[in-house]
Amino acid sequence: MAQPKMLKLREVLEEIDMSRAAFYRMRARGQAPRIRKLPNGQLRVRRTDLDAWWEACEQDAA
């Protein structure tokens, strides 16, 4: 089974059109997609986690 695509934080911020500071504020409130920290310290978001987050945002707006 293939590993899910992992997005760099920069890619996520571009897709959701948000600044890094705003993203971290959302994360502190528990409202951001799940971030995974790699052993080298880099941050990644699974494509599936970001898609699920988008879906939840759409449901909350309805």
N, C-alpha and C. Protein backbone atom coordinates (compact mmCIF):
# COMPACT_ATOMS: atom_id res chain seq x y z
N MET A 1 0.85 -1.18 0.00
CA MET A 1 0.00 0.00 0.00
C MET A 1 0.89 1.24 0.00
N ALA A 2 0.56 2.20 -0.81
CA ALA A 2 1.36 3.42 -0.94
C ALA A 2 1.16 4.33 0.27
N GLN A 3 2.22 5.03 0.62
CA GLN A 3 2.15 6.01 1.70
C GLN A 3 1.31 7.21 1.24
N PRO A 4 0.51 7.78 2.13
CA PRO A 4 -0.25 8.98 1.73
C PRO A 4 0.70 10.15 1.45
N LYS A 5 0.31 11.00 0.56
CA LYS A 5 1.12 12.17 0.20
C LYS A 5 1.26 13.07 1.41
N MET A 6 2.49 13.49 1.66
CA MET A 6 2.78 14.40 2.76
C MET A 6 3.09 15.77 2.18
N LEU A 7 2.38 16.80 2.63
CA LEU A 7 2.56 18.16 2.14
C LEU A 7 3.43 18.95 3.11
N LYS A 8 4.29 19.78 2.55
CA LYS A 8 5.06 20.70 3.37
C LYS A 8 4.13 21.77 3.90
N LEU A 9 4.47 22.34 5.04
CA LEU A 9 3.63 23.37 5.63
C LEU A 9 3.43 24.53 4.65
N ARG A 10 4.47 24.89 3.93
CA ARG A 10 4.37 25.97 2.93
C ARG A 10 3.29 25.64 1.89
N GLU A 11 3.22 24.38 1.46
CA GLU A 11 2.22 23.97 0.48
C GLU A 11 0.81 24.07 1.06
N VAL A 12 0.68 23.69 2.32
CA VAL A 12 -0.62 23.77 2.99
C VAL A 12 -1.06 25.23 3.11
N LEU A 13 -0.14 26.09 3.55
CA LEU A 13 -0.47 27.51 3.71
C LEU A 13 -0.88 28.13 2.38
N GLU A 14 -0.22 27.75 1.29
CA GLU A 14 -0.59 28.26 -0.03
C GLU A 14 -2.00 27.79 -0.41
N GLU A 15 -2.28 26.51 -0.16
CA GLU A 15 -3.58 25.96 -0.54
C GLU A 15 -4.73 26.60 0.24
N ILE A 16 -4.52 26.81 1.52
CA ILE A 16 -5.61 27.37 2.33
C ILE A 16 -5.55 28.90 2.39
N ASP A 17 -4.55 29.48 1.73
CA ASP A 17 -4.40 30.93 1.65
C ASP A 17 -4.39 31.57 3.03
N MET A 18 -3.40 31.15 3.83
CA MET A 18 -3.32 31.62 5.21
C MET A 18 -1.87 31.87 5.57
N SER A 19 -1.64 32.84 6.43
CA SER A 19 -0.28 33.11 6.90
C SER A 19 0.13 32.04 7.92
N ARG A 20 1.43 31.91 8.09
CA ARG A 20 1.95 30.95 9.06
C ARG A 20 1.46 31.31 10.47
N ALA A 21 1.45 32.60 10.80
CA ALA A 21 1.01 33.04 12.14
C ALA A 21 -0.46 32.68 12.37
N ALA A 22 -1.30 32.94 11.38
CA ALA A 22 -2.72 32.61 11.52
C ALA A 22 -2.91 31.11 11.65
N PHE A 23 -2.14 30.34 10.89
CA PHE A 23 -2.23 28.89 10.98
C PHE A 23 -1.88 28.41 12.38
N TYR A 24 -0.80 28.94 12.95
CA TYR A 24 -0.41 28.52 14.29
C TYR A 24 -1.42 28.95 15.35
N ARG A 25 -2.09 30.09 15.15
CA ARG A 25 -3.17 30.48 16.08
C ARG A 25 -4.31 29.46 16.01
N MET A 26 -4.67 29.06 14.79
CA MET A 26 -5.72 28.04 14.63
C MET A 26 -5.30 26.73 15.26
N ARG A 27 -4.03 26.40 15.08
CA ARG A 27 -3.50 25.15 15.64
C ARG A 27 -3.58 25.18 17.17
N ALA A 28 -3.27 26.32 17.77
CA ALA A 28 -3.33 26.45 19.23
C ALA A 28 -4.75 26.27 19.75
N ARG A 29 -5.74 26.64 18.91
CA ARG A 29 -7.15 26.47 19.29
C ARG A 29 -7.68 25.08 18.91
N GLY A 30 -6.83 24.24 18.32
CA GLY A 30 -7.25 22.90 17.92
C GLY A 30 -8.11 22.89 16.67
N GLN A 31 -7.97 23.91 15.82
CA GLN A 31 -8.82 24.04 14.64
C GLN A 31 -8.08 23.84 13.33
N ALA A 32 -6.83 23.44 13.37
CA ALA A 32 -6.03 23.27 12.16
C ALA A 32 -5.90 21.79 11.83
N PRO A 33 -5.55 21.48 10.58
CA PRO A 33 -5.31 20.07 10.25
C PRO A 33 -4.12 19.54 11.04
N ARG A 34 -4.11 18.25 11.25
CA ARG A 34 -3.07 17.61 12.05
C ARG A 34 -1.71 17.77 11.38
N ILE A 35 -0.72 18.15 12.16
CA ILE A 35 0.66 18.30 11.69
C ILE A 35 1.48 17.15 12.24
N ARG A 36 2.36 16.64 11.40
CA ARG A 36 3.28 15.59 11.82
C ARG A 36 4.70 16.14 11.75
N LYS A 37 5.44 15.93 12.81
CA LYS A 37 6.83 16.39 12.85
C LYS A 37 7.73 15.21 12.50
N LEU A 38 8.53 15.39 11.47
CA LEU A 38 9.45 14.35 11.03
C LEU A 38 10.67 14.31 11.95
N PRO A 39 11.40 13.19 11.94
CA PRO A 39 12.59 13.09 12.80
C PRO A 39 13.61 14.21 12.57
N ASN A 40 13.64 14.77 11.35
CA ASN A 40 14.58 15.85 11.07
C ASN A 40 14.03 17.22 11.48
N GLY A 41 12.84 17.26 12.08
CA GLY A 41 12.25 18.50 12.58
C GLY A 41 11.32 19.19 11.61
N GLN A 42 11.29 18.72 10.36
CA GLN A 42 10.39 19.33 9.38
C GLN A 42 8.94 18.95 9.68
N LEU A 43 8.03 19.84 9.30
CA LEU A 43 6.60 19.61 9.53
C LEU A 43 5.93 19.18 8.24
N ARG A 44 4.99 18.24 8.35
CA ARG A 44 4.24 17.77 7.19
C ARG A 44 2.77 17.58 7.59
N VAL A 45 1.91 17.69 6.60
CA VAL A 45 0.48 17.41 6.78
C VAL A 45 0.11 16.37 5.73
N ARG A 46 -0.53 15.30 6.16
CA ARG A 46 -0.98 14.30 5.20
C ARG A 46 -2.09 14.89 4.35
N ARG A 47 -2.05 14.56 3.06
CA ARG A 47 -3.08 15.03 2.13
C ARG A 47 -4.46 14.62 2.64
N THR A 48 -4.58 13.41 3.17
CA THR A 48 -5.87 12.93 3.66
C THR A 48 -6.35 13.75 4.86
N ASP A 49 -5.42 14.16 5.73
CA ASP A 49 -5.79 14.99 6.88
C ASP A 49 -6.25 16.37 6.43
N LEU A 50 -5.57 16.94 5.43
CA LEU A 50 -5.97 18.25 4.93
C LEU A 50 -7.34 18.17 4.25
N ASP A 51 -7.56 17.12 3.46
CA ASP A 51 -8.87 16.94 2.81
C ASP A 51 -9.99 16.80 3.84
N ALA A 52 -9.73 16.04 4.91
CA ALA A 52 -10.73 15.87 5.97
C ALA A 52 -11.00 17.20 6.67
N TRP A 53 -9.95 17.99 6.87
CA TRP A 53 -10.10 19.31 7.50
C TRP A 53 -10.97 20.21 6.63
N TRP A 54 -10.70 20.21 5.29
CA TRP A 54 -11.52 21.00 4.36
C TRP A 54 -12.98 20.58 4.46
N GLU A 55 -13.21 19.28 4.50
CA GLU A 55 -14.58 18.75 4.59
C GLU A 55 -15.27 19.24 5.86
N ALA A 56 -14.55 19.19 6.98
CA ALA A 56 -15.11 19.67 8.25
C ALA A 56 -15.42 21.17 8.19
N CYS A 57 -14.56 21.95 7.55
CA CYS A 57 -14.80 23.38 7.41
C CYS A 57 -16.06 23.64 6.60
N GLU A 58 -16.27 22.88 5.56
CA GLU A 58 -17.46 23.03 4.73
C GLU A 58 -18.72 22.68 5.52
N GLN A 59 -18.64 21.63 6.32
CA GLN A 59 -19.80 21.22 7.13
C GLN A 59 -20.12 22.28 8.19
N ASP A 60 -19.08 22.86 8.79
CA ASP A 60 -19.28 23.89 9.82
C ASP A 60 -19.91 25.14 9.22
N ALA A 61 -19.60 25.42 7.96
CA ALA A 61 -20.12 26.62 7.31
C ALA A 61 -21.57 26.45 6.85
N ALA A 62 -22.01 25.22 6.72
CA ALA A 62 -23.37 24.97 6.23
C ALA A 62 -24.43 25.22 7.29
